[in-house]
Amino acid sequence: MRVSFGGGDSVAAIPSKLKAGDRVRFVSPASTPEREGIARRAEILESWGLKVDFGRHAFEKKAYLAGTDEERLADLNEAINDPEIRGIFSTRGGKGSYRIADRLDFDGVQKDPKFPIGFSDITMLHLSLYKRCGLIGLHGALAAEEDGNFSAENSEALRRALMQPGFAAVLSRPEEPTSALTTGGTANGRLIGGNLDMVAMAVGWALPDLRGAILLLEVVNMHIGQVDRQLTMLRKAGHLNGLGGVALGQFTGFDLKSDFSVINLLREHLDALDVPVLGGLPLGHGSRPLVVPIGTTARLDTAAGTLSFPD
């Protein structure tokens, strides 16, 4: 389905929801996954009535990449152009999606939109696909907890996003450290973003126009100085001018007890933007992460603590 959006000539490519009997494919645009973990994820998807197959190079390994750029790109474009494939799952993030994100078959995407599902390094694919053809993607995955099990909350969030009408609102969790950064106010705009490292790397070639948007940010295993450098660049280069609001997901792997923590740093940068901020969202690499659509219209309500998606 294709509809106009944003008041310009751009067109949104909106995938249809999946149903039992539909076929989905795992591909590896970035790093190599563990076979056992992907097999368990496939079992969950099959329990929903979906048929699962795999890209030809899904388990290849070339240093930190799942095969060569050409192999990973071929798997993605084959899934894009296979009419039987109705959803494209990334096996994992890691590193490497940014190497091929400008070479996807964007014409094929617009002819037959289907959900790309993933997060972390896969943010680069979401950004590029939205910028070039307005494709709505799903930020999230079937994520295992530290004990190796898959939480029912996480699995149900993905199943609902894929197979039920509309998209469920996400509620801020007080136990998430970024909840301390919630301000006041509301914002309406297209939800764009994901992993901060990828948002910053996309500048100049894959980053969509963020004016009026709600910017989603999550981070894992970065030094506070890296976060500072990336946010400083985005601000001083003007890429955050005109933002509608900021939705903060999970910032994991930081020392929160230091005299100047990542929360202090984020407050400095976000205060300068003077827009509504909703923190504490369970989106990213933390415990029991949920799923949100990237590129669709969202409403951020700080008083209610919700990020919702009106029809």
C-alpha atoms as a PDB file:
ATOM      1  CA  MET A   1       0.000   0.000   0.000  1.00  0.00           C
ATOM      2  CA  ARG A   2       1.311   3.467  -0.888  1.00  0.00           C
ATOM      3  CA  VAL A   3       0.009   6.755   0.494  1.00  0.00           C
ATOM      4  CA  SER A   4       1.198  10.356   0.469  1.00  0.00           C
ATOM      5  CA  PHE A   5       2.780  11.768   3.598  1.00  0.00           C
ATOM      6  CA  GLY A   6       4.580  14.836   4.856  1.00  0.00           C
ATOM      7  CA  GLY A   7       3.029  17.382   2.486  1.00  0.00           C
ATOM      8  CA  GLY A   8       5.577  16.811  -0.311  1.00  0.00           C
ATOM      9  CA  ASP A   9       6.026  14.434  -3.179  1.00  0.00           C
ATOM     10  CA  SER A  10       7.214  11.608  -0.937  1.00  0.00           C
ATOM     11  CA  VAL A  11       5.273   8.389  -0.751  1.00  0.00           C
ATOM     12  CA  ALA A  12       4.934   6.085   2.230  1.00  0.00           C
ATOM     13  CA  ALA A  13       5.290   2.369   1.608  1.00  0.00           C
ATOM     14  CA  ILE A  14       3.068   0.741   4.219  1.00  0.00           C
ATOM     15  CA  PRO A  15       3.309  -3.057   4.517  1.00  0.00           C
ATOM     16  CA  SER A  16       0.258  -5.209   5.095  1.00  0.00           C
ATOM     17  CA  LYS A  17      -0.012  -7.086   8.370  1.00  0.00           C
ATOM     18  CA  LEU A  18       0.886 -10.762   8.311  1.00  0.00           C
ATOM     19  CA  LYS A  19      -1.476 -13.702   8.708  1.00  0.00           C
ATOM     20  CA  ALA A  20      -1.083 -17.407   9.419  1.00  0.00           C
ATOM     21  CA  GLY A  21       0.398 -19.151   6.407  1.00  0.00           C
ATOM     22  CA  ASP A  22       2.530 -16.187   5.332  1.00  0.00           C
ATOM     23  CA  ARG A  23       6.218 -16.809   4.702  1.00  0.00           C
ATOM     24  CA  VAL A  24       8.971 -14.764   6.357  1.00  0.00           C
ATOM     25  CA  ARG A  25      12.725 -14.893   5.851  1.00  0.00           C
ATOM     26  CA  PHE A  26      15.734 -14.448   8.124  1.00  0.00           C
ATOM     27  CA  VAL A  27      18.642 -12.582   6.544  1.00  0.00           C
ATOM     28  CA  SER A  28      21.904 -11.288   8.022  1.00  0.00           C
ATOM     29  CA  PRO A  29      22.671  -7.760   6.802  1.00  0.00           C
ATOM     30  CA  ALA A  30      25.277  -7.245   9.530  1.00  0.00           C
ATOM     31  CA  SER A  31      27.106  -9.790  11.733  1.00  0.00           C
ATOM     32  CA  THR A  32      26.846 -13.586  11.898  1.00  0.00           C
ATOM     33  CA  PRO A  33      24.226 -15.021  14.288  1.00  0.00           C
ATOM     34  CA  GLU A  34      24.345 -18.159  16.393  1.00  0.00           C
ATOM     35  CA  ARG A  35      22.371 -20.919  14.707  1.00  0.00           C
ATOM     36  CA  GLU A  36      20.793 -22.184  17.921  1.00  0.00           C
ATOM     37  CA  GLY A  37      19.355 -18.797  18.824  1.00  0.00           C
ATOM     38  CA  ILE A  38      17.895 -18.276  15.361  1.00  0.00           C
ATOM     39  CA  ALA A  39      16.400 -21.782  15.378  1.00  0.00           C
ATOM     40  CA  ARG A  40      14.577 -20.961  18.614  1.00  0.00           C
ATOM     41  CA  ARG A  41      13.283 -17.723  17.137  1.00  0.00           C
ATOM     42  CA  ALA A  42      12.068 -19.568  14.064  1.00  0.00           C
ATOM     43  CA  GLU A  43      10.155 -21.987  16.283  1.00  0.00           C
ATOM     44  CA  ILE A  44       8.341 -19.091  17.951  1.00  0.00           C
ATOM     45  CA  LEU A  45       7.372 -17.582  14.598  1.00  0.00           C
ATOM     46  CA  GLU A  46       6.166 -20.960  13.354  1.00  0.00           C
ATOM     47  CA  SER A  47       4.022 -21.318  16.470  1.00  0.00           C
ATOM     48  CA  TRP A  48       2.175 -18.206  15.244  1.00  0.00           C
ATOM     49  CA  GLY A  49       1.381 -19.987  11.978  1.00  0.00           C
ATOM     50  CA  LEU A  50       4.110 -18.311   9.929  1.00  0.00           C
ATOM     51  CA  LYS A  51       6.384 -20.203   7.539  1.00  0.00           C
ATOM     52  CA  VAL A  52      10.086 -19.463   8.019  1.00  0.00           C
ATOM     53  CA  ASP A  53      13.021 -19.753   5.646  1.00  0.00           C
ATOM     54  CA  PHE A  54      16.552 -18.338   5.487  1.00  0.00           C
ATOM     55  CA  GLY A  55      18.683 -16.301   3.143  1.00  0.00           C
ATOM     56  CA  ARG A  56      21.384 -18.262   1.347  1.00  0.00           C
ATOM     57  CA  HIS A  57      24.145 -16.502   3.281  1.00  0.00           C
ATOM     58  CA  ALA A  58      22.416 -16.026   6.636  1.00  0.00           C
ATOM     59  CA  PHE A  59      25.106 -17.970   8.518  1.00  0.00           C
ATOM     60  CA  GLU A  60      28.181 -17.035   6.498  1.00  0.00           C
ATOM     61  CA  LYS A  61      31.140 -15.515   8.341  1.00  0.00           C
ATOM     62  CA  LYS A  62      33.737 -13.074   7.053  1.00  0.00           C
ATOM     63  CA  ALA A  63      35.546 -11.491  10.019  1.00  0.00           C
ATOM     64  CA  TYR A  64      32.816  -9.562  11.865  1.00  0.00           C
ATOM     65  CA  LEU A  65      30.385  -9.744   8.929  1.00  0.00           C
ATOM     66  CA  ALA A  66      27.925 -12.395   7.777  1.00  0.00           C
ATOM     67  CA  GLY A  67      29.619 -12.832   4.433  1.00  0.00           C
ATOM     68  CA  THR A  68      30.747 -10.286   1.867  1.00  0.00           C
ATOM     69  CA  ASP A  69      28.842  -7.093   1.171  1.00  0.00           C
ATOM     70  CA  GLU A  70      27.583  -8.585  -2.094  1.00  0.00           C
ATOM     71  CA  GLU A  71      26.338 -11.733  -0.364  1.00  0.00           C
ATOM     72  CA  ARG A  72      24.498  -9.870   2.369  1.00  0.00           C
ATOM     73  CA  LEU A  73      23.032  -7.413  -0.107  1.00  0.00           C
ATOM     74  CA  ALA A  74      21.903 -10.225  -2.410  1.00  0.00           C
ATOM     75  CA  ASP A  75      20.012 -11.925   0.422  1.00  0.00           C
ATOM     76  CA  LEU A  76      18.228  -8.686   1.291  1.00  0.00           C
ATOM     77  CA  ASN A  77      17.274  -7.850  -2.278  1.00  0.00           C
ATOM     78  CA  GLU A  78      16.120 -11.410  -2.965  1.00  0.00           C
ATOM     79  CA  ALA A  79      13.800 -11.176   0.042  1.00  0.00           C
ATOM     80  CA  ILE A  80      12.558  -7.768  -1.107  1.00  0.00           C
ATOM     81  CA  ASN A  81      11.691  -9.123  -4.557  1.00  0.00           C
ATOM     82  CA  ASP A  82      10.309 -12.551  -3.613  1.00  0.00           C
ATOM     83  CA  PRO A  83       6.493 -12.170  -3.684  1.00  0.00           C
ATOM     84  CA  GLU A  84       6.083 -15.091  -1.286  1.00  0.00           C
ATOM     85  CA  ILE A  85       8.103 -13.345   1.448  1.00  0.00           C
ATOM     86  CA  ARG A  86       5.878 -11.081   3.545  1.00  0.00           C
ATOM     87  CA  GLY A  87       8.307 -10.094   6.310  1.00  0.00           C
ATOM     88  CA  ILE A  88      12.107  -9.750   6.461  1.00  0.00           C
ATOM     89  CA  PHE A  89      13.745 -10.549   9.809  1.00  0.00           C
ATOM     90  CA  SER A  90      17.322  -9.583  10.531  1.00  0.00           C
ATOM     91  CA  THR A  91      19.010 -12.395  12.426  1.00  0.00           C
ATOM     92  CA  ARG A  92      20.913  -9.867  14.553  1.00  0.00           C
ATOM     93  CA  GLY A  93      22.621  -6.480  14.503  1.00  0.00           C
ATOM     94  CA  GLY A  94      26.305  -6.138  15.202  1.00  0.00           C
ATOM     95  CA  LYS A  95      28.154  -4.368  12.388  1.00  0.00           C
ATOM     96  CA  GLY A  96      27.761  -4.053   8.660  1.00  0.00           C
ATOM     97  CA  SER A  97      24.271  -2.904   7.636  1.00  0.00           C
ATOM     98  CA  TYR A  98      25.676   0.567   6.990  1.00  0.00           C
ATOM     99  CA  ARG A  99      27.936  -0.852   4.268  1.00  0.00           C
ATOM    100  CA  ILE A 100      24.990  -1.841   2.060  1.00  0.00           C
ATOM    101  CA  ALA A 101      22.094   0.395   3.143  1.00  0.00           C
ATOM    102  CA  ASP A 102      22.363   2.652   0.079  1.00  0.00           C
ATOM    103  CA  ARG A 103      22.250  -0.251  -2.389  1.00  0.00           C
ATOM    104  CA  LEU A 104      18.928  -1.840  -1.545  1.00  0.00           C
ATOM    105  CA  ASP A 105      16.350  -2.352  -4.290  1.00  0.00           C
ATOM    106  CA  PHE A 106      14.229   0.672  -3.384  1.00  0.00           C
ATOM    107  CA  ASP A 107      12.031   0.284  -6.487  1.00  0.00           C
ATOM    108  CA  GLY A 108      11.255  -3.270  -5.394  1.00  0.00           C
ATOM    109  CA  VAL A 109      10.364  -2.031  -1.906  1.00  0.00           C
ATOM    110  CA  GLN A 110       7.853   0.471  -3.265  1.00  0.00           C
ATOM    111  CA  LYS A 111       6.291  -2.114  -5.582  1.00  0.00           C
ATOM    112  CA  ASP A 112       5.825  -4.652  -2.787  1.00  0.00           C
ATOM    113  CA  PRO A 113       6.265  -3.180   0.723  1.00  0.00           C
ATOM    114  CA  LYS A 114       6.972  -5.687   3.486  1.00  0.00           C
ATOM    115  CA  PHE A 115       8.088  -5.156   7.071  1.00  0.00           C
ATOM    116  CA  PRO A 116      11.817  -5.155   7.798  1.00  0.00           C
ATOM    117  CA  ILE A 117      12.252  -6.256  11.429  1.00  0.00           C
ATOM    118  CA  GLY A 118      15.324  -5.496  13.521  1.00  0.00           C
ATOM    119  CA  PHE A 119      17.111  -2.894  15.614  1.00  0.00           C
ATOM    120  CA  SER A 120      20.612  -1.848  16.738  1.00  0.00           C
ATOM    121  CA  ASP A 121      22.811  -1.840  13.590  1.00  0.00           C
ATOM    122  CA  ILE A 122      19.631  -2.529  11.582  1.00  0.00           C
ATOM    123  CA  THR A 123      18.570   1.045  12.394  1.00  0.00           C
ATOM    124  CA  MET A 124      20.613   2.034   9.336  1.00  0.00           C
ATOM    125  CA  LEU A 125      18.336  -0.006   7.096  1.00  0.00           C
ATOM    126  CA  HIS A 126      15.233   1.534   8.674  1.00  0.00           C
ATOM    127  CA  LEU A 127      16.609   5.045   8.128  1.00  0.00           C
ATOM    128  CA  SER A 128      17.665   4.445   4.535  1.00  0.00           C
ATOM    129  CA  LEU A 129      14.434   2.683   3.597  1.00  0.00           C
ATOM    130  CA  TYR A 130      12.326   5.430   5.130  1.00  0.00           C
ATOM    131  CA  LYS A 131      14.371   8.216   3.525  1.00  0.00           C
ATOM    132  CA  ARG A 132      14.313   6.672   0.060  1.00  0.00           C
ATOM    133  CA  CYS A 133      10.795   5.240  -0.109  1.00  0.00           C
ATOM    134  CA  GLY A 134       8.939   5.898   3.141  1.00  0.00           C
ATOM    135  CA  LEU A 135       8.913   2.260   4.236  1.00  0.00           C
ATOM    136  CA  ILE A 136       7.461   1.598   7.680  1.00  0.00           C
ATOM    137  CA  GLY A 137       9.702  -0.833   9.586  1.00  0.00           C
ATOM    138  CA  LEU A 138       9.578  -2.518  12.976  1.00  0.00           C
ATOM    139  CA  HIS A 139      12.220  -1.545  15.548  1.00  0.00           C
ATOM    140  CA  GLY A 140      12.561  -4.669  17.670  1.00  0.00           C
ATOM    141  CA  ALA A 141      13.157  -8.396  17.605  1.00  0.00           C
ATOM    142  CA  LEU A 142      12.526 -11.636  19.454  1.00  0.00           C
ATOM    143  CA  ALA A 143      15.017 -10.809  22.197  1.00  0.00           C
ATOM    144  CA  ALA A 144      16.391 -13.348  24.648  1.00  0.00           C
ATOM    145  CA  GLU A 145      16.896 -12.400  28.299  1.00  0.00           C
ATOM    146  CA  GLU A 146      20.125 -13.016  30.235  1.00  0.00           C
ATOM    147  CA  ASP A 147      18.939 -16.520  31.142  1.00  0.00           C
ATOM    148  CA  GLY A 148      18.488 -17.347  27.454  1.00  0.00           C
ATOM    149  CA  ASN A 149      14.704 -17.469  27.604  1.00  0.00           C
ATOM    150  CA  PHE A 150      12.330 -15.335  25.564  1.00  0.00           C
ATOM    151  CA  SER A 151       9.924 -13.248  27.609  1.00  0.00           C
ATOM    152  CA  ALA A 152       6.234 -13.569  26.828  1.00  0.00           C
ATOM    153  CA  GLU A 153       5.936  -9.766  26.907  1.00  0.00           C
ATOM    154  CA  ASN A 154       8.561  -9.305  24.217  1.00  0.00           C
ATOM    155  CA  SER A 155       7.188 -12.093  22.011  1.00  0.00           C
ATOM    156  CA  GLU A 156       3.615 -10.875  22.275  1.00  0.00           C
ATOM    157  CA  ALA A 157       4.655  -7.319  21.405  1.00  0.00           C
ATOM    158  CA  LEU A 158       6.238  -8.514  18.172  1.00  0.00           C
ATOM    159  CA  ARG A 159       3.351 -10.829  17.299  1.00  0.00           C
ATOM    160  CA  ARG A 160       0.848  -8.017  17.786  1.00  0.00           C
ATOM    161  CA  ALA A 161       2.913  -5.543  15.746  1.00  0.00           C
ATOM    162  CA  LEU A 162       3.195  -8.043  12.885  1.00  0.00           C
ATOM    163  CA  MET A 163      -0.204  -9.688  12.881  1.00  0.00           C
ATOM    164  CA  GLN A 164      -2.848  -7.501  14.529  1.00  0.00           C
ATOM    165  CA  PRO A 165      -4.410  -4.222  13.348  1.00  0.00           C
ATOM    166  CA  GLY A 166      -2.721  -1.017  14.466  1.00  0.00           C
ATOM    167  CA  PHE A 167       0.194  -0.705  16.855  1.00  0.00           C
ATOM    168  CA  ALA A 168       0.124  -0.946  20.644  1.00  0.00           C
ATOM    169  CA  ALA A 169       1.161   2.046  22.757  1.00  0.00           C
ATOM    170  CA  VAL A 170       4.417   1.728  24.698  1.00  0.00           C
ATOM    171  CA  LEU A 171       4.382   2.749  28.355  1.00  0.00           C
ATOM    172  CA  SER A 172       7.381   4.303  30.092  1.00  0.00           C
ATOM    173  CA  ARG A 173       8.897   2.139  32.845  1.00  0.00           C
ATOM    174  CA  PRO A 174      10.008   3.974  36.007  1.00  0.00           C
ATOM    175  CA  GLU A 175      12.827   1.454  36.536  1.00  0.00           C
ATOM    176  CA  GLU A 176      14.495   2.432  33.256  1.00  0.00           C
ATOM    177  CA  PRO A 177      17.198   5.049  34.023  1.00  0.00           C
ATOM    178  CA  THR A 178      16.145   7.363  31.191  1.00  0.00           C
ATOM    179  CA  SER A 179      12.733   7.813  32.826  1.00  0.00           C
ATOM    180  CA  ALA A 180      14.421  10.511  34.939  1.00  0.00           C
ATOM    181  CA  LEU A 181      14.691  12.656  31.796  1.00  0.00           C
ATOM    182  CA  THR A 182      10.956  12.903  31.110  1.00  0.00           C
ATOM    183  CA  THR A 183       9.782  16.505  30.839  1.00  0.00           C
ATOM    184  CA  GLY A 184       6.318  17.928  30.236  1.00  0.00           C
ATOM    185  CA  GLY A 185       4.203  18.336  27.122  1.00  0.00           C
ATOM    186  CA  THR A 186       3.043  16.347  24.134  1.00  0.00           C
ATOM    187  CA  ALA A 187       4.285  15.900  20.592  1.00  0.00           C
ATOM    188  CA  ASN A 188       2.915  14.467  17.385  1.00  0.00           C
ATOM    189  CA  GLY A 189       5.080  13.439  14.459  1.00  0.00           C
ATOM    190  CA  ARG A 190       6.615  10.559  12.593  1.00  0.00           C
ATOM    191  CA  LEU A 191       8.740   8.314  14.792  1.00  0.00           C
ATOM    192  CA  ILE A 192      12.230   8.164  13.278  1.00  0.00           C
ATOM    193  CA  GLY A 193      15.489   6.843  14.691  1.00  0.00           C
ATOM    194  CA  GLY A 194      16.673   3.954  16.811  1.00  0.00           C
ATOM    195  CA  ASN A 195      20.295   3.315  17.705  1.00  0.00           C
ATOM    196  CA  LEU A 196      22.155   6.616  18.262  1.00  0.00           C
ATOM    197  CA  ASP A 197      25.369   5.319  16.692  1.00  0.00           C
ATOM    198  CA  MET A 198      23.503   4.590  13.446  1.00  0.00           C
ATOM    199  CA  VAL A 199      21.555   7.870  13.517  1.00  0.00           C
ATOM    200  CA  ALA A 200      24.829   9.788  13.724  1.00  0.00           C
ATOM    201  CA  MET A 201      26.488   7.631  11.043  1.00  0.00           C
ATOM    202  CA  ALA A 202      23.549   8.242   8.673  1.00  0.00           C
ATOM    203  CA  VAL A 203      24.146  11.994   8.508  1.00  0.00           C
ATOM    204  CA  GLY A 204      24.659  13.198   4.965  1.00  0.00           C
ATOM    205  CA  TRP A 205      23.363  10.126   3.157  1.00  0.00           C
ATOM    206  CA  ALA A 206      20.729   8.052   4.957  1.00  0.00           C
ATOM    207  CA  LEU A 207      19.269  10.304   7.672  1.00  0.00           C
ATOM    208  CA  PRO A 208      15.731  11.497   6.897  1.00  0.00           C
ATOM    209  CA  ASP A 209      14.658  15.079   7.555  1.00  0.00           C
ATOM    210  CA  LEU A 210      13.872  15.206  11.283  1.00  0.00           C
ATOM    211  CA  ARG A 211      11.866  18.445  11.300  1.00  0.00           C
ATOM    212  CA  GLY A 212       8.586  17.775  13.084  1.00  0.00           C
ATOM    213  CA  ALA A 213       9.608  14.198  13.912  1.00  0.00           C
ATOM    214  CA  ILE A 214       9.771  12.361  17.210  1.00  0.00           C
ATOM    215  CA  LEU A 215      13.348  11.119  17.465  1.00  0.00           C
ATOM    216  CA  LEU A 216      13.804   7.680  19.030  1.00  0.00           C
ATOM    217  CA  LEU A 217      17.211   7.029  20.612  1.00  0.00           C
ATOM    218  CA  GLU A 218      18.698   3.960  22.308  1.00  0.00           C
ATOM    219  CA  VAL A 219      22.330   3.083  23.064  1.00  0.00           C
ATOM    220  CA  VAL A 220      24.305   0.027  24.128  1.00  0.00           C
ATOM    221  CA  ASN A 221      27.931  -0.398  25.223  1.00  0.00           C
ATOM    222  CA  MET A 222      29.231   3.027  24.299  1.00  0.00           C
ATOM    223  CA  HIS A 223      31.493   5.296  26.299  1.00  0.00           C
ATOM    224  CA  ILE A 224      29.809   8.442  27.580  1.00  0.00           C
ATOM    225  CA  GLY A 225      32.256  10.492  25.527  1.00  0.00           C
ATOM    226  CA  GLN A 226      31.056   8.813  22.331  1.00  0.00           C
ATOM    227  CA  VAL A 227      27.464   9.691  23.163  1.00  0.00           C
ATOM    228  CA  ASP A 228      28.558  13.277  23.813  1.00  0.00           C
ATOM    229  CA  ARG A 229      30.397  13.534  20.488  1.00  0.00           C
ATOM    230  CA  GLN A 230      27.491  12.150  18.477  1.00  0.00           C
ATOM    231  CA  LEU A 231      24.823  14.316  20.085  1.00  0.00           C
ATOM    232  CA  THR A 232      27.061  17.376  19.815  1.00  0.00           C
ATOM    233  CA  MET A 233      27.572  16.772  16.091  1.00  0.00           C
ATOM    234  CA  LEU A 234      23.855  16.219  15.460  1.00  0.00           C
ATOM    235  CA  ARG A 235      22.954  19.412  17.344  1.00  0.00           C
ATOM    236  CA  LYS A 236      25.667  21.728  16.012  1.00  0.00           C
ATOM    237  CA  ALA A 237      25.173  20.591  12.426  1.00  0.00           C
ATOM    238  CA  GLY A 238      21.483  21.499  12.716  1.00  0.00           C
ATOM    239  CA  HIS A 239      20.083  18.012  12.229  1.00  0.00           C
ATOM    240  CA  LEU A 240      17.970  18.279  15.395  1.00  0.00           C
ATOM    241  CA  ASN A 241      16.523  21.706  14.558  1.00  0.00           C
ATOM    242  CA  GLY A 242      12.734  21.638  14.484  1.00  0.00           C
ATOM    243  CA  LEU A 243      12.324  18.310  16.243  1.00  0.00           C
ATOM    244  CA  GLY A 244       8.841  17.672  17.583  1.00  0.00           C
ATOM    245  CA  GLY A 245       9.982  15.578  20.543  1.00  0.00           C
ATOM    246  CA  VAL A 246      12.396  12.924  21.776  1.00  0.00           C
ATOM    247  CA  ALA A 247      11.567   9.343  22.818  1.00  0.00           C
ATOM    248  CA  LEU A 248      14.339   7.770  24.899  1.00  0.00           C
ATOM    249  CA  GLY A 249      14.726   4.022  24.975  1.00  0.00           C
ATOM    250  CA  GLN A 250      17.190   1.879  26.889  1.00  0.00           C
ATOM    251  CA  PHE A 251      20.725   3.183  27.472  1.00  0.00           C
ATOM    252  CA  THR A 252      22.583   0.084  28.625  1.00  0.00           C
ATOM    253  CA  GLY A 253      26.164  -0.618  29.658  1.00  0.00           C
ATOM    254  CA  PHE A 254      26.813   2.701  31.433  1.00  0.00           C
ATOM    255  CA  ASP A 255      28.055   3.480  34.940  1.00  0.00           C
ATOM    256  CA  LEU A 256      25.071   5.318  36.380  1.00  0.00           C
ATOM    257  CA  LYS A 257      26.736   5.949  39.762  1.00  0.00           C
ATOM    258  CA  SER A 258      29.495   8.226  38.496  1.00  0.00           C
ATOM    259  CA  ASP A 259      29.548  11.917  39.341  1.00  0.00           C
ATOM    260  CA  PHE A 260      28.616  12.722  35.749  1.00  0.00           C
ATOM    261  CA  SER A 261      26.607   9.883  34.234  1.00  0.00           C
ATOM    262  CA  VAL A 262      25.087   9.441  30.809  1.00  0.00           C
ATOM    263  CA  ILE A 263      21.817  10.694  32.320  1.00  0.00           C
ATOM    264  CA  ASN A 264      23.493  13.982  33.244  1.00  0.00           C
ATOM    265  CA  LEU A 265      24.949  14.216  29.765  1.00  0.00           C
ATOM    266  CA  LEU A 266      21.640  13.536  28.063  1.00  0.00           C
ATOM    267  CA  ARG A 267      19.940  16.180  30.177  1.00  0.00           C
ATOM    268  CA  GLU A 268      22.453  18.794  28.982  1.00  0.00           C
ATOM    269  CA  HIS A 269      21.819  18.027  25.325  1.00  0.00           C
ATOM    270  CA  LEU A 270      18.069  17.542  25.556  1.00  0.00           C
ATOM    271  CA  ASP A 271      17.441  20.694  27.581  1.00  0.00           C
ATOM    272  CA  ALA A 272      19.039  22.672  24.754  1.00  0.00           C
ATOM    273  CA  LEU A 273      16.464  21.292  22.299  1.00  0.00           C
ATOM    274  CA  ASP A 274      13.507  22.591  24.319  1.00  0.00           C
ATOM    275  CA  VAL A 275      11.081  19.899  23.149  1.00  0.00           C
ATOM    276  CA  PRO A 276       8.986  17.328  25.046  1.00  0.00           C
ATOM    277  CA  VAL A 277      11.043  14.330  26.136  1.00  0.00           C
ATOM    278  CA  LEU A 278       9.661  10.962  27.207  1.00  0.00           C
ATOM    279  CA  GLY A 279      12.219   8.637  28.794  1.00  0.00           C
ATOM    280  CA  GLY A 280      12.006   5.171  30.263  1.00  0.00           C
ATOM    281  CA  LEU A 281      10.725   3.475  27.110  1.00  0.00           C
ATOM    282  CA  PRO A 282      11.514  -0.262  26.959  1.00  0.00           C
ATOM    283  CA  LEU A 283      13.050  -0.087  23.493  1.00  0.00           C
ATOM    284  CA  GLY A 284      16.568  -1.274  22.795  1.00  0.00           C
ATOM    285  CA  HIS A 285      19.033  -3.716  24.336  1.00  0.00           C
ATOM    286  CA  GLY A 286      17.700  -3.882  27.898  1.00  0.00           C
ATOM    287  CA  SER A 287      15.298  -6.217  29.656  1.00  0.00           C
ATOM    288  CA  ARG A 288      11.972  -7.145  28.046  1.00  0.00           C
ATOM    289  CA  PRO A 289      12.252  -4.752  25.076  1.00  0.00           C
ATOM    290  CA  LEU A 290       9.116  -4.045  23.065  1.00  0.00           C
ATOM    291  CA  VAL A 291       8.470  -3.191  19.419  1.00  0.00           C
ATOM    292  CA  VAL A 292       7.543   0.065  17.678  1.00  0.00           C
ATOM    293  CA  PRO A 293       6.908   1.024  14.053  1.00  0.00           C
ATOM    294  CA  ILE A 294       9.541   3.334  12.556  1.00  0.00           C
ATOM    295  CA  GLY A 295       8.209   5.957  10.147  1.00  0.00           C
ATOM    296  CA  THR A 296       4.568   5.989  11.180  1.00  0.00           C
ATOM    297  CA  THR A 297       2.761   8.826  12.979  1.00  0.00           C
ATOM    298  CA  ALA A 298       3.225   8.730  16.743  1.00  0.00           C
ATOM    299  CA  ARG A 299       2.013  10.709  19.740  1.00  0.00           C
ATOM    300  CA  LEU A 300       4.281  11.326  22.708  1.00  0.00           C
ATOM    301  CA  ASP A 301       2.438  12.155  25.958  1.00  0.00           C
ATOM    302  CA  THR A 302       4.732  12.831  28.892  1.00  0.00           C
ATOM    303  CA  ALA A 303       1.938  13.096  31.469  1.00  0.00           C
ATOM    304  CA  ALA A 304       0.519   9.701  30.525  1.00  0.00           C
ATOM    305  CA  GLY A 305       3.990   8.268  29.962  1.00  0.00           C
ATOM    306  CA  THR A 306       2.998   6.819  26.598  1.00  0.00           C
ATOM    307  CA  LEU A 307       4.261   6.637  23.065  1.00  0.00           C
ATOM    308  CA  SER A 308       1.203   5.754  21.016  1.00  0.00           C
ATOM    309  CA  PHE A 309       0.332   5.307  17.348  1.00  0.00           C
ATOM    310  CA  PRO A 310      -3.062   6.730  16.381  1.00  0.00           C
ATOM    311  CA  ASP A 311      -4.667   5.156  13.326  1.00  0.00           C
END
